């Protein structure tokens, strides 16, 4: 097993501080007296989850590096810029294509960039994830999502 780097500890400490800030900000959201949850409930839950992950990361040990994966990193050095570019393109296209279509394309593209070899299955997964997000945010939470030309 490889020991944690000092930079890893600093990153987990920063995440813990950010979780604390998000927790405080979530309590400043307005609350409805007779409702069991309000607009701050979701950010509050995410801040607690982030804090738990930061604490777990602080106390776990990093796995040993596999020599094959170290050699593989030079081949995949464009993954992160591609994912960032796809996310930026998604933000531009979501208004024209709509939430479901653009989210499905983003999901498919992300899976293909990360090495998944079946584009049709990736698109199917993208549509399933897009519809699940639409049901959660568009239907259950009543968030207005972009309709676009396609929908």
C-alpha atoms as a PDB file:
ATOM      1  CA  UNK A   1       0.000   0.000   0.000  1.00  0.00           C
ATOM      2  CA  UNK A   2       1.127   3.468  -0.788  1.00  0.00           C
ATOM      3  CA  UNK A   3       0.976   6.161   1.870  1.00  0.00           C
ATOM      4  CA  UNK A   4      -0.984   9.351   1.380  1.00  0.00           C
ATOM      5  CA  UNK A   5       0.809  12.341  -0.008  1.00  0.00           C
ATOM      6  CA  UNK A   6       0.825  15.595   1.886  1.00  0.00           C
ATOM      7  CA  UNK A   7      -1.080  17.154  -1.027  1.00  0.00           C
ATOM      8  CA  UNK A   8      -3.850  14.580  -0.576  1.00  0.00           C
ATOM      9  CA  UNK A   9      -4.288  15.588   3.054  1.00  0.00           C
ATOM     10  CA  UNK A  10      -4.441  19.263   2.060  1.00  0.00           C
ATOM     11  CA  UNK A  11      -7.064  18.486  -0.593  1.00  0.00           C
ATOM     12  CA  UNK A  12      -9.228  16.597   1.916  1.00  0.00           C
ATOM     13  CA  UNK A  13      -8.881  19.445   4.419  1.00  0.00           C
ATOM     14  CA  UNK A  14      -9.989  21.929   1.760  1.00  0.00           C
ATOM     15  CA  UNK A  15     -12.986  19.721   0.923  1.00  0.00           C
ATOM     16  CA  UNK A  16     -13.910  19.577   4.589  1.00  0.00           C
ATOM     17  CA  UNK A  17     -13.751  23.383   4.861  1.00  0.00           C
ATOM     18  CA  UNK A  18     -15.876  23.738   1.698  1.00  0.00           C
ATOM     19  CA  UNK A  19     -18.410  21.289   3.133  1.00  0.00           C
ATOM     20  CA  UNK A  20     -18.586  23.375   6.308  1.00  0.00           C
ATOM     21  CA  UNK A  21     -19.151  26.566   4.302  1.00  0.00           C
ATOM     22  CA  UNK A  22     -21.861  24.870   2.225  1.00  0.00           C
ATOM     23  CA  UNK A  23     -23.488  23.599   5.418  1.00  0.00           C
ATOM     24  CA  UNK A  24     -23.627  27.131   6.863  1.00  0.00           C
ATOM     25  CA  UNK A  25     -24.932  28.614   3.604  1.00  0.00           C
ATOM     26  CA  UNK A  26     -27.623  25.915   3.380  1.00  0.00           C
ATOM     27  CA  UNK A  27     -28.995  26.989   6.767  1.00  0.00           C
ATOM     28  CA  UNK A  28     -29.370  30.547   5.499  1.00  0.00           C
ATOM     29  CA  UNK A  29     -31.927  29.512   2.873  1.00  0.00           C
ATOM     30  CA  UNK A  30     -35.519  30.473   3.697  1.00  0.00           C
ATOM     31  CA  UNK A  31     -37.615  27.841   5.440  1.00  0.00           C
ATOM     32  CA  UNK A  32     -41.341  27.242   5.387  1.00  0.00           C
ATOM     33  CA  UNK A  33     -42.632  26.649   8.904  1.00  0.00           C
ATOM     34  CA  UNK A  34     -45.143  23.896   8.090  1.00  0.00           C
ATOM     35  CA  UNK A  35     -42.984  22.072   5.509  1.00  0.00           C
ATOM     36  CA  UNK A  36     -40.658  19.220   6.440  1.00  0.00           C
ATOM     37  CA  UNK A  37     -38.028  20.383   3.940  1.00  0.00           C
ATOM     38  CA  UNK A  38     -37.207  23.536   2.057  1.00  0.00           C
ATOM     39  CA  UNK A  39     -34.819  24.858  -0.561  1.00  0.00           C
ATOM     40  CA  UNK A  40     -31.830  24.315   1.721  1.00  0.00           C
ATOM     41  CA  UNK A  41     -32.460  20.604   2.319  1.00  0.00           C
ATOM     42  CA  UNK A  42     -30.674  19.327  -0.788  1.00  0.00           C
ATOM     43  CA  UNK A  43     -27.551  21.535  -0.346  1.00  0.00           C
ATOM     44  CA  UNK A  44     -27.513  20.570   3.332  1.00  0.00           C
ATOM     45  CA  UNK A  45     -27.542  16.865   2.481  1.00  0.00           C
ATOM     46  CA  UNK A  46     -24.816  17.339  -0.142  1.00  0.00           C
ATOM     47  CA  UNK A  47     -22.621  19.257   2.293  1.00  0.00           C
ATOM     48  CA  UNK A  48     -22.926  16.470   4.869  1.00  0.00           C
ATOM     49  CA  UNK A  49     -22.094  13.889   2.184  1.00  0.00           C
ATOM     50  CA  UNK A  50     -19.061  15.931   1.081  1.00  0.00           C
ATOM     51  CA  UNK A  51     -17.856  16.181   4.678  1.00  0.00           C
ATOM     52  CA  UNK A  52     -18.225  12.424   5.169  1.00  0.00           C
ATOM     53  CA  UNK A  53     -16.310  11.722   1.961  1.00  0.00           C
ATOM     54  CA  UNK A  54     -13.537  14.140   2.960  1.00  0.00           C
ATOM     55  CA  UNK A  55     -13.217  12.479   6.383  1.00  0.00           C
ATOM     56  CA  UNK A  56     -13.229   9.004   4.814  1.00  0.00           C
ATOM     57  CA  UNK A  57     -10.579  10.081   2.303  1.00  0.00           C
ATOM     58  CA  UNK A  58      -8.427  11.512   5.074  1.00  0.00           C
ATOM     59  CA  UNK A  59      -8.346   8.216   6.994  1.00  0.00           C
ATOM     60  CA  UNK A  60      -8.106   5.704   4.142  1.00  0.00           C
ATOM     61  CA  UNK A  61      -4.875   4.643   2.540  1.00  0.00           C
ATOM     62  CA  UNK A  62      -4.274   5.051  -1.172  1.00  0.00           C
ATOM     63  CA  UNK A  63      -3.986   1.809  -3.143  1.00  0.00           C
ATOM     64  CA  UNK A  64      -0.640   0.911  -4.669  1.00  0.00           C
ATOM     65  CA  UNK A  65      -0.178   2.093  -8.229  1.00  0.00           C
ATOM     66  CA  UNK A  66      -0.455  -0.613 -10.861  1.00  0.00           C
ATOM     67  CA  UNK A  67       2.479  -0.367 -13.319  1.00  0.00           C
ATOM     68  CA  UNK A  68       0.125  -1.025 -16.254  1.00  0.00           C
ATOM     69  CA  UNK A  69      -2.130   1.874 -15.247  1.00  0.00           C
ATOM     70  CA  UNK A  70       0.861   4.222 -14.926  1.00  0.00           C
ATOM     71  CA  UNK A  71       1.886   3.404 -18.489  1.00  0.00           C
ATOM     72  CA  UNK A  72      -1.739   3.847 -19.590  1.00  0.00           C
ATOM     73  CA  UNK A  73      -1.943   7.442 -18.318  1.00  0.00           C
ATOM     74  CA  UNK A  74       0.137   8.803 -21.191  1.00  0.00           C
ATOM     75  CA  UNK A  75      -2.360   7.337 -23.646  1.00  0.00           C
ATOM     76  CA  UNK A  76      -5.319   8.906 -21.828  1.00  0.00           C
ATOM     77  CA  UNK A  77      -3.949  12.368 -21.130  1.00  0.00           C
ATOM     78  CA  UNK A  78      -6.681  13.976 -23.232  1.00  0.00           C
ATOM     79  CA  UNK A  79      -9.607  12.550 -21.261  1.00  0.00           C
ATOM     80  CA  UNK A  80      -9.967  15.421 -18.813  1.00  0.00           C
ATOM     81  CA  UNK A  81      -9.758  18.212 -21.436  1.00  0.00           C
ATOM     82  CA  UNK A  82     -12.249  16.308 -23.597  1.00  0.00           C
ATOM     83  CA  UNK A  83     -14.693  15.936 -20.703  1.00  0.00           C
ATOM     84  CA  UNK A  84     -14.328  19.628 -19.841  1.00  0.00           C
ATOM     85  CA  UNK A  85     -14.911  20.609 -23.473  1.00  0.00           C
ATOM     86  CA  UNK A  86     -17.941  18.333 -23.696  1.00  0.00           C
ATOM     87  CA  UNK A  87     -19.387  19.918 -20.568  1.00  0.00           C
ATOM     88  CA  UNK A  88     -18.874  23.398 -22.018  1.00  0.00           C
ATOM     89  CA  UNK A  89     -20.508  22.293 -25.280  1.00  0.00           C
ATOM     90  CA  UNK A  90     -23.384  20.811 -23.247  1.00  0.00           C
ATOM     91  CA  UNK A  91     -23.989  24.191 -21.604  1.00  0.00           C
ATOM     92  CA  UNK A  92     -24.217  25.786 -25.051  1.00  0.00           C
ATOM     93  CA  UNK A  93     -26.423  23.112 -26.604  1.00  0.00           C
ATOM     94  CA  UNK A  94     -28.869  22.533 -23.753  1.00  0.00           C
ATOM     95  CA  UNK A  95     -30.881  25.620 -24.728  1.00  0.00           C
ATOM     96  CA  UNK A  96     -31.209  24.482 -28.358  1.00  0.00           C
ATOM     97  CA  UNK A  97     -31.597  20.717 -28.009  1.00  0.00           C
ATOM     98  CA  UNK A  98     -33.372  20.638 -24.672  1.00  0.00           C
ATOM     99  CA  UNK A  99     -32.453  19.004 -21.391  1.00  0.00           C
ATOM    100  CA  UNK A 100     -33.183  15.367 -22.220  1.00  0.00           C
ATOM    101  CA  UNK A 101     -31.486  15.258 -25.620  1.00  0.00           C
ATOM    102  CA  UNK A 102     -28.375  17.183 -24.620  1.00  0.00           C
ATOM    103  CA  UNK A 103     -28.001  15.266 -21.346  1.00  0.00           C
ATOM    104  CA  UNK A 104     -28.286  11.956 -23.200  1.00  0.00           C
ATOM    105  CA  UNK A 105     -25.599  13.054 -25.667  1.00  0.00           C
ATOM    106  CA  UNK A 106     -23.356  14.219 -22.839  1.00  0.00           C
ATOM    107  CA  UNK A 107     -23.773  10.892 -21.043  1.00  0.00           C
ATOM    108  CA  UNK A 108     -22.973   8.959 -24.213  1.00  0.00           C
ATOM    109  CA  UNK A 109     -19.957  11.115 -24.998  1.00  0.00           C
ATOM    110  CA  UNK A 110     -18.601  10.863 -21.463  1.00  0.00           C
ATOM    111  CA  UNK A 111     -18.890   7.076 -21.490  1.00  0.00           C
ATOM    112  CA  UNK A 112     -17.123   6.868 -24.850  1.00  0.00           C
ATOM    113  CA  UNK A 113     -14.318   9.184 -23.716  1.00  0.00           C
ATOM    114  CA  UNK A 114     -13.871   7.099 -20.576  1.00  0.00           C
ATOM    115  CA  UNK A 115     -13.361   3.980 -22.676  1.00  0.00           C
ATOM    116  CA  UNK A 116     -16.782   2.344 -23.048  1.00  0.00           C
ATOM    117  CA  UNK A 117     -16.790   0.560 -26.415  1.00  0.00           C
ATOM    118  CA  UNK A 118     -20.522   0.345 -27.239  1.00  0.00           C
ATOM    119  CA  UNK A 119     -21.923   3.672 -28.519  1.00  0.00           C
ATOM    120  CA  UNK A 120     -25.534   2.461 -28.868  1.00  0.00           C
ATOM    121  CA  UNK A 121     -25.599   1.161 -25.295  1.00  0.00           C
ATOM    122  CA  UNK A 122     -23.918   4.359 -24.135  1.00  0.00           C
ATOM    123  CA  UNK A 123     -26.658   6.414 -25.806  1.00  0.00           C
ATOM    124  CA  UNK A 124     -29.321   4.208 -24.207  1.00  0.00           C
ATOM    125  CA  UNK A 125     -27.712   4.735 -20.809  1.00  0.00           C
ATOM    126  CA  UNK A 126     -27.545   8.475 -21.528  1.00  0.00           C
ATOM    127  CA  UNK A 127     -31.270   8.595 -22.234  1.00  0.00           C
ATOM    128  CA  UNK A 128     -32.093   6.550 -19.137  1.00  0.00           C
ATOM    129  CA  UNK A 129     -29.988   8.872 -16.972  1.00  0.00           C
ATOM    130  CA  UNK A 130     -31.514  11.951 -18.641  1.00  0.00           C
ATOM    131  CA  UNK A 131     -35.061  10.728 -18.037  1.00  0.00           C
ATOM    132  CA  UNK A 132     -34.242   9.812 -14.438  1.00  0.00           C
ATOM    133  CA  UNK A 133     -32.856  13.315 -13.851  1.00  0.00           C
ATOM    134  CA  UNK A 134     -35.889  14.812 -15.598  1.00  0.00           C
ATOM    135  CA  UNK A 135     -38.261  12.864 -13.356  1.00  0.00           C
ATOM    136  CA  UNK A 136     -36.356  13.899 -10.232  1.00  0.00           C
ATOM    137  CA  UNK A 137     -35.820  17.567 -11.053  1.00  0.00           C
ATOM    138  CA  UNK A 138     -38.507  18.382 -13.630  1.00  0.00           C
ATOM    139  CA  UNK A 139     -41.416  16.436 -12.205  1.00  0.00           C
ATOM    140  CA  UNK A 140     -40.796  15.823  -8.509  1.00  0.00           C
ATOM    141  CA  UNK A 141     -38.939  19.047  -7.649  1.00  0.00           C
ATOM    142  CA  UNK A 142     -40.763  21.185 -10.259  1.00  0.00           C
ATOM    143  CA  UNK A 143     -37.570  22.732 -11.667  1.00  0.00           C
ATOM    144  CA  UNK A 144     -37.982  24.415 -15.040  1.00  0.00           C
ATOM    145  CA  UNK A 145     -35.629  22.579 -17.404  1.00  0.00           C
ATOM    146  CA  UNK A 146     -34.856  23.830 -20.936  1.00  0.00           C
ATOM    147  CA  UNK A 147     -37.216  22.394 -23.557  1.00  0.00           C
ATOM    148  CA  UNK A 148     -35.240  23.284 -26.693  1.00  0.00           C
ATOM    149  CA  UNK A 149     -36.282  22.355 -30.205  1.00  0.00           C
ATOM    150  CA  UNK A 150     -36.237  18.613 -29.626  1.00  0.00           C
ATOM    151  CA  UNK A 151     -37.350  18.503 -26.005  1.00  0.00           C
END
